[in-house]
Amino acid sequence: MVHIGIWEKDEGIFRAVRGAWEGNGRPYPHMVSGRYLAEFETMRLDLLVVSPLAGEEQRPQGSARCRCLLLPGDAGPLGRQIESEYAVSYGTSPKDTLTFSSLEGDRASLALQRELVTLEGRVVEEQELVLPFSARFPPKTWLAAVGVLLLCGLEPETLAGQ
């Protein structure tokens, strides 16, 4: 079973991923959400997601360990406080692994700017994906949720109805 921790300030990443997961026929991961980094200190996580607002914390209390870290590209210093085998960044910078090439109305062009290794070890090649975009989420929150789905090997289109 996959273990996912989502460090967020009630931004909706947990709800979006849980909603996208329902009905896809794959085993549901063990997911926990927390408002503070210290809540994840003793957990064995395959994936730790840092939300945009959590990534803005200047000096979070605690530390964590995970196999894969998904974090905002502008939260780079957190990478030194969270021990991981590899990290994937998301955001609006051309340096981020997951970013937008365009965002118009209910459609987003997601640019995967370098290959991504899923938690199952499958490689997802560099590409551009045109996906339904839900205005219920701020763009960076949506990117984080799509990143979780991609890293778990799910199709990001499952976020469409969320």
Protein backbone atom coordinates (compact mmCIF):
# COMPACT_ATOMS: atom_id res chain seq x y z
CA MET A 1 0.00 0.00 0.00
CA VAL A 2 1.17 3.50 -0.86
CA HIS A 3 1.51 5.98 2.02
CA ILE A 4 0.95 9.63 1.18
CA GLY A 5 1.29 12.63 3.49
CA ILE A 6 -0.18 15.96 2.46
CA TRP A 7 1.12 18.96 4.38
CA GLU A 8 -1.39 21.70 3.70
CA LYS A 9 -3.24 24.62 5.23
CA ASP A 10 -6.76 23.51 4.21
CA GLU A 11 -6.10 24.22 0.53
CA GLY A 12 -8.02 21.20 -0.73
CA ILE A 13 -5.27 18.97 -2.12
CA PHE A 14 -6.32 16.05 0.08
CA ARG A 15 -9.99 16.39 -0.94
CA ALA A 16 -9.12 16.74 -4.64
CA VAL A 17 -6.90 13.66 -4.69
CA ARG A 18 -9.38 11.60 -2.67
CA GLY A 19 -12.20 12.64 -5.02
CA ALA A 20 -10.16 11.81 -8.12
CA TRP A 21 -9.23 8.41 -6.71
CA GLU A 22 -12.80 7.26 -6.14
CA GLY A 23 -14.07 4.90 -8.79
CA ASN A 24 -10.79 4.32 -10.62
CA GLY A 25 -10.51 0.68 -9.56
CA ARG A 26 -7.04 0.99 -8.04
CA PRO A 27 -6.27 0.30 -4.39
CA TYR A 28 -6.86 3.40 -2.32
CA PRO A 29 -3.62 4.72 -0.78
CA HIS A 30 -3.20 5.44 2.88
CA MET A 31 -3.42 9.25 2.90
CA VAL A 32 -3.02 11.61 5.83
CA SER A 33 -3.24 15.36 5.92
CA GLY A 34 -1.53 17.61 8.43
CA ARG A 35 -1.13 21.32 9.04
CA TYR A 36 2.41 21.05 10.46
CA LEU A 37 5.55 19.32 9.24
CA ALA A 38 6.11 17.79 12.68
CA GLU A 39 2.96 15.69 12.22
CA PHE A 40 4.83 13.59 9.63
CA GLU A 41 8.05 13.04 11.62
CA THR A 42 7.43 9.43 12.63
CA MET A 43 5.67 8.29 9.45
CA ARG A 44 7.09 6.13 6.70
CA LEU A 45 5.88 7.97 3.62
CA ASP A 46 6.24 7.06 -0.03
CA LEU A 47 5.19 10.59 -0.97
CA LEU A 48 5.09 13.83 0.99
CA VAL A 49 3.27 16.70 -0.68
CA VAL A 50 3.99 20.27 0.40
CA SER A 51 1.16 22.65 -0.48
CA PRO A 52 1.79 26.19 -1.74
CA LEU A 53 0.89 27.76 1.63
CA ALA A 54 2.84 25.21 3.68
CA GLY A 55 5.83 25.85 1.41
CA GLU A 56 5.78 29.50 2.47
CA GLU A 57 6.61 28.67 6.10
CA GLN A 58 9.96 30.21 6.91
CA ARG A 59 10.96 27.92 9.77
CA PRO A 60 8.68 24.92 10.09
CA GLN A 61 8.95 22.90 13.28
CA GLY A 62 10.06 19.31 12.81
CA SER A 63 11.40 17.31 9.94
CA ALA A 64 10.21 14.41 7.82
CA ARG A 65 11.43 11.57 5.64
CA CYS A 66 9.88 10.25 2.46
CA ARG A 67 10.77 8.44 -0.70
CA CYS A 68 9.47 11.22 -2.99
CA LEU A 69 8.92 14.87 -2.13
CA LEU A 70 6.48 16.97 -4.17
CA LEU A 71 6.97 20.65 -3.37
CA PRO A 72 6.50 24.13 -4.80
CA GLY A 73 9.54 25.21 -6.78
CA ASP A 74 9.89 28.33 -4.69
CA ALA A 75 10.10 26.25 -1.48
CA GLY A 76 13.53 24.84 -2.30
CA PRO A 77 15.06 25.40 1.17
CA LEU A 78 12.53 22.91 2.59
CA GLY A 79 14.30 20.25 0.58
CA ARG A 80 17.13 20.40 3.08
CA GLN A 81 14.76 19.88 6.02
CA ILE A 82 12.86 16.98 4.46
CA GLU A 83 14.91 13.91 3.68
CA SER A 84 13.90 12.29 0.38
CA GLU A 85 15.28 10.02 -2.31
CA TYR A 86 14.06 12.40 -5.00
CA ALA A 87 12.04 15.59 -5.32
CA VAL A 88 9.61 16.90 -7.90
CA SER A 89 8.81 20.61 -8.09
CA TYR A 90 5.63 22.28 -9.28
CA GLY A 91 4.84 25.91 -9.94
CA THR A 92 4.91 28.63 -12.53
CA SER A 93 8.66 28.78 -13.09
CA PRO A 94 10.22 27.25 -16.23
CA LYS A 95 12.54 25.40 -13.85
CA ASP A 96 9.67 23.46 -12.20
CA THR A 97 9.05 19.88 -13.30
CA LEU A 98 5.27 20.48 -13.44
CA THR A 99 4.15 23.84 -14.74
CA PHE A 100 1.59 25.47 -17.00
CA SER A 101 2.24 26.31 -20.61
CA SER A 102 -1.22 27.90 -20.71
CA LEU A 103 -4.33 28.24 -18.59
CA GLU A 104 -7.56 29.34 -20.24
CA GLY A 105 -11.03 28.97 -18.77
CA ASP A 106 -11.72 25.31 -18.07
CA ARG A 107 -8.59 24.00 -19.85
CA ALA A 108 -4.99 23.87 -18.72
CA SER A 109 -1.93 22.87 -20.69
CA LEU A 110 0.33 21.17 -18.22
CA ALA A 111 3.98 20.98 -19.17
CA LEU A 112 5.92 18.05 -17.76
CA GLN A 113 9.37 19.54 -18.32
CA ARG A 114 11.46 16.50 -17.49
CA GLU A 115 10.74 12.84 -17.09
CA LEU A 116 9.01 11.80 -13.93
CA VAL A 117 9.47 8.51 -12.08
CA THR A 118 6.23 7.29 -10.51
CA LEU A 119 6.11 5.65 -7.10
CA GLU A 120 5.78 2.34 -8.95
CA GLY A 121 9.03 3.03 -10.83
CA ARG A 122 7.42 3.75 -14.20
CA VAL A 123 8.90 6.61 -16.22
CA VAL A 124 6.56 9.29 -17.57
CA GLU A 125 8.26 11.10 -20.44
CA GLU A 126 8.47 14.86 -20.94
CA GLN A 127 5.22 15.98 -22.52
CA GLU A 128 2.42 18.48 -22.58
CA LEU A 129 -1.02 17.45 -21.37
CA VAL A 130 -4.20 19.37 -22.07
CA LEU A 131 -6.45 18.77 -19.08
CA PRO A 132 -9.77 19.97 -17.74
CA PHE A 133 -9.12 22.67 -15.15
CA SER A 134 -11.41 23.28 -12.22
CA ALA A 135 -11.56 26.90 -11.08
CA ARG A 136 -12.49 25.55 -7.64
CA PHE A 137 -8.76 25.31 -6.97
CA PRO A 138 -6.02 27.93 -7.21
CA PRO A 139 -3.62 27.01 -10.03
CA LYS A 140 -0.73 25.87 -7.78
CA THR A 141 -3.07 23.76 -5.64
CA TRP A 142 -4.38 22.13 -8.82
CA LEU A 143 -0.79 21.47 -9.97
CA ALA A 144 -0.01 19.76 -6.65
CA ALA A 145 -3.07 17.50 -6.94
CA VAL A 146 -2.18 16.60 -10.54
CA GLY A 147 1.37 15.88 -9.40
CA VAL A 148 0.10 13.41 -6.79
CA LEU A 149 -1.99 11.61 -9.41
CA LEU A 150 0.90 11.42 -11.88
CA LEU A 151 3.32 10.17 -9.22
CA CYS A 152 0.79 7.50 -8.21
CA GLY A 153 0.38 6.37 -11.82
CA LEU A 154 -3.16 7.71 -12.27
CA GLU A 155 -4.45 9.67 -15.21
CA PRO A 156 -4.65 13.36 -14.28
CA GLU A 157 -7.94 13.68 -16.21
CA THR A 158 -9.63 12.17 -13.15
CA LEU A 159 -9.44 15.62 -11.54
CA ALA A 160 -11.89 16.94 -14.13
CA GLY A 161 -15.04 16.54 -12.08
CA GLN A 162 -13.56 17.75 -8.82
